[in-house]
Amino acid sequence: MIKTVLFDLDGTLLPLDMNEFIKRYFGGLTVKFKDMIKGEELSSIVWASTKYMVENKEASKTNEEAFFEDFYKRVHHKPEVMNPLFEEYYIKDFCKVQDATRQEELMVKAVRQLKDKGYKVVVATNPIFPEIAIHQRIKWAGFEIEDFDFITTFEKMHFCKPNVEFYQEVLENIGGKPEDCLMVGNDVEEDMVAKQLGLTTFLIEDCIIHRGTSLEGIDYKGDYKKFYEFVVGLPSLK
């Protein structure tokens, strides 16, 4: 019986134009670090260090530690010089990425319904961004941070999607059992992999990301309207 609902963020709780999102994100970073490193080189390094972080399987390292361990091997500047600029970017400039996103009222209503019915709700976003950036995007989607029982960030998590270890770590943090959890996401490869651990899955098709793997085994799929109707049909746990 489902007791907890895990939500992906980008493309699920927060609909977006991913290409525009990436363009604006790297455009902002390029401006912030223009006196230190060329834009194309910075983008290449950030992608490479993100890949290293995603592939990391050392449970002793947080995603933040894995990313910066690799990042500072590739740049010729010290953390005490660059880290404050990263922080300044997320505080002052990351908000410009918001124009690539929109709110989806049906998802806001769905989360409200789940909470009113007594379900635990979790943001299980791929933790490749710092907490400040994830919290901002949650607010862009029309929520408060307090609406969720747990939120994945790269400061606290040790694994990334599509590794099943990511989902194991989420369950450990919330004290959940796979058979009691529903994973809702728009990325076939990154979100629906939760099925391998025994979670029920719901694929949101409005902003679907599908790299060609089989859709077989996904429990539910549909657009935002169908998901909202699914939530309305869930029993109250109170």
Protein backbone atom coordinates (compact mmCIF):
# COMPACT_ATOMS: atom_id res chain seq x y z
CA MET A 1 0.00 0.00 0.00
CA ILE A 2 1.38 3.40 -1.01
CA LYS A 3 2.20 5.61 1.97
CA THR A 4 4.92 7.86 0.54
CA VAL A 5 5.15 9.65 -2.80
CA LEU A 6 8.55 10.61 -4.20
CA PHE A 7 8.60 13.38 -6.81
CA ASP A 8 11.22 14.31 -9.31
CA LEU A 9 11.53 18.10 -9.60
CA ASP A 10 12.57 19.33 -13.05
CA GLY A 11 9.99 18.31 -15.63
CA THR A 12 7.72 16.80 -12.98
CA LEU A 13 6.82 19.19 -10.16
CA LEU A 14 8.37 21.99 -12.22
CA PRO A 15 7.62 21.88 -15.97
CA LEU A 16 10.42 23.41 -18.02
CA ASP A 17 12.13 23.82 -21.34
CA MET A 18 15.31 21.86 -20.59
CA ASN A 19 17.33 23.31 -23.48
CA GLU A 20 16.46 26.85 -22.45
CA PHE A 21 17.13 26.02 -18.80
CA ILE A 22 20.65 24.76 -19.61
CA LYS A 23 21.32 27.72 -21.92
CA ARG A 24 20.38 30.24 -19.24
CA TYR A 25 22.20 28.35 -16.49
CA PHE A 26 25.53 28.19 -18.29
CA GLY A 27 25.06 31.69 -19.65
CA GLY A 28 24.85 33.00 -16.10
CA LEU A 29 27.84 30.99 -14.92
CA THR A 30 29.89 32.21 -17.88
CA VAL A 31 29.26 35.83 -16.96
CA LYS A 32 30.06 35.20 -13.29
CA PHE A 33 33.43 33.57 -14.03
CA LYS A 34 34.36 35.58 -17.15
CA ASP A 35 37.53 36.97 -15.58
CA MET A 36 38.80 33.51 -14.64
CA ILE A 37 37.86 31.05 -17.34
CA LYS A 38 36.36 31.08 -20.83
CA GLY A 39 32.70 30.15 -21.15
CA GLU A 40 33.11 27.04 -23.31
CA GLU A 41 35.89 25.73 -21.11
CA LEU A 42 33.84 26.32 -17.96
CA SER A 43 30.83 24.50 -19.41
CA SER A 44 33.01 21.58 -20.46
CA ILE A 45 34.57 21.31 -17.01
CA VAL A 46 31.23 21.53 -15.19
CA TRP A 47 29.80 18.77 -17.41
CA ALA A 48 32.88 16.59 -16.85
CA SER A 49 32.78 17.02 -13.07
CA THR A 50 29.04 16.37 -13.05
CA LYS A 51 29.67 13.12 -14.94
CA TYR A 52 32.30 12.17 -12.36
CA MET A 53 29.83 12.91 -9.55
CA VAL A 54 27.03 10.90 -11.17
CA GLU A 55 29.32 7.91 -11.67
CA ASN A 56 30.81 8.06 -8.17
CA LYS A 57 30.01 5.01 -6.06
CA GLU A 58 32.04 5.88 -2.97
CA ALA A 59 29.44 6.11 -0.22
CA SER A 60 31.84 8.08 1.97
CA LYS A 61 31.69 11.10 -0.37
CA THR A 62 28.75 13.44 -0.69
CA ASN A 63 27.89 14.54 -4.20
CA GLU A 64 29.22 17.97 -3.32
CA GLU A 65 32.57 16.50 -2.31
CA ALA A 66 32.76 14.33 -5.43
CA PHE A 67 31.96 17.23 -7.75
CA PHE A 68 34.45 19.68 -6.31
CA GLU A 69 37.15 17.03 -5.95
CA ASP A 70 37.07 16.59 -9.71
CA PHE A 71 36.33 20.23 -10.55
CA TYR A 72 39.39 21.63 -8.80
CA LYS A 73 41.64 19.13 -10.57
CA ARG A 74 40.55 20.70 -13.84
CA VAL A 75 40.74 24.44 -13.08
CA HIS A 76 43.71 26.61 -12.19
CA HIS A 77 42.05 28.56 -9.39
CA LYS A 78 41.68 27.76 -5.72
CA PRO A 79 38.40 26.93 -3.96
CA GLU A 80 38.66 30.00 -1.73
CA VAL A 81 38.60 32.13 -4.87
CA MET A 82 35.89 30.34 -6.88
CA ASN A 83 33.52 29.07 -4.19
CA PRO A 84 32.33 32.55 -3.17
CA LEU A 85 31.46 33.25 -6.82
CA PHE A 86 29.42 30.05 -7.05
CA GLU A 87 27.55 31.11 -3.92
CA GLU A 88 27.00 34.61 -5.28
CA TYR A 89 25.70 33.22 -8.55
CA TYR A 90 23.07 31.05 -6.85
CA ILE A 91 22.02 33.86 -4.51
CA LYS A 92 21.82 36.68 -7.06
CA ASP A 93 21.71 35.30 -10.60
CA PHE A 94 20.24 31.80 -10.66
CA CYS A 95 16.76 33.35 -10.51
CA LYS A 96 17.16 34.34 -14.19
CA VAL A 97 16.77 30.67 -15.11
CA GLN A 98 13.19 30.77 -13.84
CA ASP A 99 11.89 32.06 -17.18
CA ALA A 100 12.61 28.61 -18.64
CA THR A 101 10.11 27.08 -16.18
CA ARG A 102 6.45 27.36 -15.31
CA GLN A 103 4.06 26.36 -12.55
CA GLU A 104 1.62 23.50 -13.01
CA GLU A 105 -1.45 24.01 -10.86
CA LEU A 106 -2.48 20.35 -11.12
CA MET A 107 0.77 19.30 -9.43
CA VAL A 108 0.31 21.88 -6.69
CA LYS A 109 -3.20 20.52 -6.13
CA ALA A 110 -1.97 16.92 -6.23
CA VAL A 111 0.64 17.51 -3.53
CA ARG A 112 -1.93 19.32 -1.41
CA GLN A 113 -4.33 16.38 -1.80
CA LEU A 114 -1.63 13.89 -0.79
CA LYS A 115 -0.73 15.86 2.32
CA ASP A 116 -4.40 16.27 3.27
CA LYS A 117 -4.84 12.50 2.95
CA GLY A 118 -1.89 11.78 5.21
CA TYR A 119 0.77 10.73 2.67
CA LYS A 120 4.43 11.55 3.16
CA VAL A 121 5.73 13.59 0.21
CA VAL A 122 9.37 13.77 -0.84
CA VAL A 123 11.32 15.73 -3.44
CA ALA A 124 13.61 13.10 -4.96
CA THR A 125 15.34 15.32 -7.50
CA ASN A 126 18.68 14.30 -8.97
CA PRO A 127 20.97 15.90 -6.35
CA ILE A 128 23.44 17.56 -8.69
CA PHE A 129 22.62 21.09 -7.51
CA PRO A 130 23.26 22.75 -4.15
CA GLU A 131 20.42 23.15 -1.69
CA ILE A 132 19.88 26.85 -2.47
CA ALA A 133 19.25 26.09 -6.16
CA ILE A 134 16.89 23.20 -5.39
CA HIS A 135 14.94 25.24 -2.85
CA GLN A 136 14.52 28.07 -5.35
CA ARG A 137 13.12 25.71 -7.98
CA ILE A 138 10.69 24.19 -5.47
CA LYS A 139 9.37 27.70 -4.82
CA TRP A 140 9.17 28.45 -8.54
CA ALA A 141 6.93 25.38 -8.81
CA GLY A 142 4.49 26.93 -6.32
CA PHE A 143 5.49 25.13 -3.12
CA GLU A 144 7.04 25.93 0.24
CA ILE A 145 10.04 23.97 1.48
CA GLU A 146 7.96 22.88 4.47
CA ASP A 147 5.52 21.10 2.16
CA PHE A 148 7.95 18.19 1.87
CA ASP A 149 9.14 15.64 4.39
CA PHE A 150 12.56 15.24 2.75
CA ILE A 151 14.43 16.95 -0.10
CA THR A 152 17.49 15.54 -1.83
CA THR A 153 20.44 17.93 -2.34
CA PHE A 154 24.05 17.46 -3.32
CA GLU A 155 25.23 18.49 0.13
CA LYS A 156 23.49 15.57 1.87
CA MET A 157 23.25 12.82 -0.77
CA HIS A 158 26.01 10.41 -1.79
CA PHE A 159 24.57 9.05 -5.05
CA CYS A 160 22.86 10.38 -8.16
CA LYS A 161 20.26 9.10 -10.58
CA PRO A 162 20.10 6.75 -12.42
CA ASN A 163 21.98 4.70 -9.80
CA VAL A 164 19.60 2.57 -7.74
CA GLU A 165 21.78 3.45 -4.74
CA PHE A 166 20.22 6.92 -4.92
CA TYR A 167 16.78 5.47 -4.24
CA GLN A 168 18.13 3.21 -1.52
CA GLU A 169 19.62 6.26 0.19
CA VAL A 170 16.33 8.17 -0.07
CA LEU A 171 14.46 5.26 1.52
CA GLU A 172 17.03 5.07 4.32
CA ASN A 173 16.59 8.77 5.02
CA ILE A 174 12.80 8.63 5.18
CA GLY A 175 12.54 5.22 6.81
CA GLY A 176 10.50 3.93 3.90
CA LYS A 177 9.98 0.50 2.36
CA PRO A 178 9.99 0.10 -1.45
CA GLU A 179 6.55 -1.50 -1.46
CA ASP A 180 5.11 1.55 0.35
CA CYS A 181 6.52 4.15 -2.08
CA LEU A 182 5.49 5.65 -5.40
CA MET A 183 8.10 7.36 -7.61
CA VAL A 184 6.70 10.06 -9.89
CA GLY A 185 8.96 11.41 -12.62
CA ASN A 186 9.29 12.39 -16.27
CA ASP A 187 12.64 10.74 -17.04
CA VAL A 188 12.31 7.11 -18.11
CA GLU A 189 15.92 6.17 -17.42
CA GLU A 190 16.50 8.20 -14.26
CA ASP A 191 13.13 7.99 -12.49
CA MET A 192 11.54 4.74 -13.57
CA VAL A 193 14.68 2.82 -12.53
CA ALA A 194 13.19 2.98 -9.03
CA LYS A 195 11.07 0.03 -10.14
CA GLN A 196 14.18 -2.16 -9.80
CA LEU A 197 14.01 -1.68 -6.02
CA GLY A 198 10.32 -2.47 -5.89
CA LEU A 199 8.86 1.05 -5.87
CA THR A 200 5.65 1.68 -7.78
CA THR A 201 6.25 4.09 -10.67
CA PHE A 202 4.26 6.81 -12.45
CA LEU A 203 5.72 8.35 -15.61
CA ILE A 204 4.68 11.97 -16.26
CA GLU A 205 4.55 12.34 -20.03
CA ASP A 206 4.17 16.12 -20.46
CA CYS A 207 7.92 16.79 -20.28
CA ILE A 208 9.02 13.22 -20.91
CA ILE A 209 12.71 12.41 -21.33
CA HIS A 210 13.13 9.07 -23.05
CA ARG A 211 16.47 7.89 -24.40
CA GLY A 212 15.07 4.79 -26.04
CA THR A 213 14.90 2.19 -23.26
CA SER A 214 11.84 0.01 -22.86
CA LEU A 215 8.73 1.41 -21.20
CA GLU A 216 7.75 -2.09 -20.12
CA GLY A 217 7.26 -2.48 -16.38
CA ILE A 218 6.18 1.10 -15.65
CA ASP A 219 3.10 0.87 -13.45
CA TYR A 220 1.30 4.06 -14.51
CA LYS A 221 1.84 6.80 -17.07
CA GLY A 222 -0.02 9.83 -18.26
CA ASP A 223 -0.16 13.60 -18.32
CA TYR A 224 -0.60 15.96 -15.36
CA LYS A 225 -4.37 15.66 -15.51
CA LYS A 226 -4.24 11.87 -15.35
CA PHE A 227 -1.82 12.00 -12.42
CA TYR A 228 -4.07 14.40 -10.52
CA GLU A 229 -7.03 12.09 -11.09
CA PHE A 230 -4.88 9.19 -9.85
CA VAL A 231 -4.14 11.12 -6.63
CA VAL A 232 -7.81 12.00 -6.15
CA GLY A 233 -8.56 8.29 -6.33
CA LEU A 234 -6.06 7.31 -3.64
CA PRO A 235 -7.53 6.41 -0.23
CA SER A 236 -7.02 8.61 2.80
CA LEU A 237 -4.48 7.31 5.31
CA LYS A 238 -6.00 9.26 8.17
